[in-house]
Amino acid sequence: MAEGVKEVSDSTFEQEVLNSDIPVLVDFWAPWCGPCKAIGPVVEELSKEYEGRLKFLKCNVDDNPATPSSFGIRAIPTLILFKDGKNVEQIVGMVQKAKLEDAINGIL
């Protein structure tokens, strides 16, 4: 069964992302953000394709303001790839699936 994209919060971020034993993609989003809604299904699709190799999480910036501000996020959607607890790539805005795949394949 596919895990899909799970929610992460300020309180669970360190455990779920920084201490993860596999790379993690975090989608920083908000319910009112049009481009966030547009990229959501793309991230969901990728979560199935990379299941077991990459963890997919989403962080609602309205409900969890501390985490996005600690990474200097000014615009959403912002997708950050983490590997070994480090921010290795940041993608801002609505992008094509191929661009996300290139970024993911670059860290796997």
Protein backbone atom coordinates (compact mmCIF):
# COMPACT_ATOMS: atom_id res chain seq x y z
CA MET A 1 0.00 0.00 0.00
CA ALA A 2 1.34 3.40 -0.97
CA GLU A 3 2.11 5.74 1.89
CA GLY A 4 1.62 8.82 -0.25
CA VAL A 5 2.25 12.30 1.04
CA LYS A 6 1.93 12.76 4.80
CA GLU A 7 1.61 15.96 6.83
CA VAL A 8 4.55 17.19 8.86
CA SER A 9 4.37 19.87 11.55
CA ASP A 10 6.77 22.11 13.45
CA SER A 11 6.77 19.55 16.27
CA THR A 12 7.43 16.49 14.05
CA PHE A 13 9.77 18.09 11.50
CA GLU A 14 13.06 17.17 13.15
CA GLN A 15 12.07 13.53 13.64
CA GLU A 16 10.39 13.07 10.22
CA VAL A 17 12.82 15.07 8.07
CA LEU A 18 16.15 15.85 9.70
CA ASN A 19 16.50 12.40 11.31
CA SER A 20 15.14 10.44 8.33
CA ASP A 21 17.28 7.55 7.09
CA ILE A 22 16.17 8.19 3.49
CA PRO A 23 16.02 11.48 1.54
CA VAL A 24 12.88 13.59 2.07
CA LEU A 25 10.95 16.00 -0.15
CA VAL A 26 8.93 18.56 1.82
CA ASP A 27 6.19 20.52 0.07
CA PHE A 28 5.61 23.81 1.90
CA TRP A 29 2.08 24.90 0.98
CA ALA A 30 -1.14 26.59 2.12
CA PRO A 31 -4.79 25.74 1.37
CA TRP A 32 -5.45 29.18 -0.20
CA CYS A 33 -2.50 28.94 -2.63
CA GLY A 34 -3.52 28.14 -6.23
CA PRO A 35 -0.11 26.94 -7.46
CA CYS A 36 0.16 24.76 -4.32
CA LYS A 37 -3.08 23.01 -5.27
CA ALA A 38 -1.77 22.59 -8.83
CA ILE A 39 1.51 20.97 -7.78
CA GLY A 40 -0.10 18.74 -5.12
CA PRO A 41 -1.18 15.96 -7.54
CA VAL A 42 2.28 15.97 -9.14
CA VAL A 43 3.92 15.46 -5.73
CA GLU A 44 1.36 12.72 -4.94
CA GLU A 45 2.19 10.95 -8.23
CA LEU A 46 5.94 11.16 -7.55
CA SER A 47 5.40 9.75 -4.04
CA LYS A 48 4.09 6.55 -5.63
CA GLU A 49 6.91 6.36 -8.20
CA TYR A 50 9.66 6.84 -5.61
CA GLU A 51 8.03 4.89 -2.78
CA GLY A 52 10.59 3.39 -0.43
CA ARG A 53 13.43 5.51 -1.85
CA LEU A 54 12.21 8.99 -0.90
CA LYS A 55 9.84 10.22 1.80
CA PHE A 56 7.22 12.80 0.75
CA LEU A 57 5.83 15.24 3.30
CA LYS A 58 3.81 18.45 3.17
CA CYS A 59 3.93 21.29 5.66
CA ASN A 60 1.04 23.76 5.92
CA VAL A 61 2.83 27.10 6.39
CA ASP A 62 -0.22 28.71 8.04
CA ASP A 63 -0.46 26.05 10.74
CA ASN A 64 3.31 25.62 11.18
CA PRO A 65 5.06 29.00 10.83
CA ALA A 66 8.32 28.13 12.63
CA THR A 67 9.67 25.56 10.17
CA PRO A 68 9.22 27.58 6.94
CA SER A 69 10.71 30.66 8.58
CA SER A 70 13.74 28.67 9.77
CA PHE A 71 14.43 27.81 6.10
CA GLY A 72 13.81 31.37 4.88
CA ILE A 73 10.76 30.43 2.82
CA ARG A 74 9.19 33.56 1.35
CA ALA A 75 7.02 32.10 -1.44
CA ILE A 76 4.91 28.99 -1.79
CA PRO A 77 4.85 26.41 -3.04
CA THR A 78 8.43 25.72 -2.07
CA LEU A 79 9.71 22.17 -2.30
CA ILE A 80 12.87 21.31 -0.40
CA LEU A 81 14.84 18.10 -0.81
CA PHE A 82 16.68 16.96 2.30
CA LYS A 83 19.41 14.34 2.43
CA ASP A 84 21.14 13.33 5.67
CA GLY A 85 19.25 16.13 7.44
CA LYS A 86 20.58 18.83 5.10
CA ASN A 87 18.71 21.06 2.65
CA VAL A 88 20.25 19.98 -0.67
CA GLU A 89 17.84 21.53 -3.19
CA GLN A 90 15.07 24.10 -3.08
CA ILE A 91 12.47 24.54 -5.84
CA VAL A 92 10.14 27.52 -5.69
CA GLY A 93 6.84 27.83 -7.55
CA MET A 94 4.89 25.59 -9.88
CA VAL A 95 7.34 23.54 -11.93
CA GLN A 96 7.04 20.68 -14.40
CA LYS A 97 7.15 17.11 -13.12
CA ALA A 98 10.36 16.52 -15.13
CA LYS A 99 12.16 19.26 -13.18
CA LEU A 100 11.18 17.61 -9.90
CA GLU A 101 12.27 14.21 -11.21
CA ASP A 102 15.67 15.63 -12.20
CA ALA A 103 16.13 17.11 -8.72
CA ILE A 104 15.05 13.86 -7.02
CA ASN A 105 17.25 11.67 -9.25
CA GLY A 106 20.15 14.02 -8.51
CA ILE A 107 20.09 13.11 -4.81
CA LEU A 108 19.17 9.43 -4.99
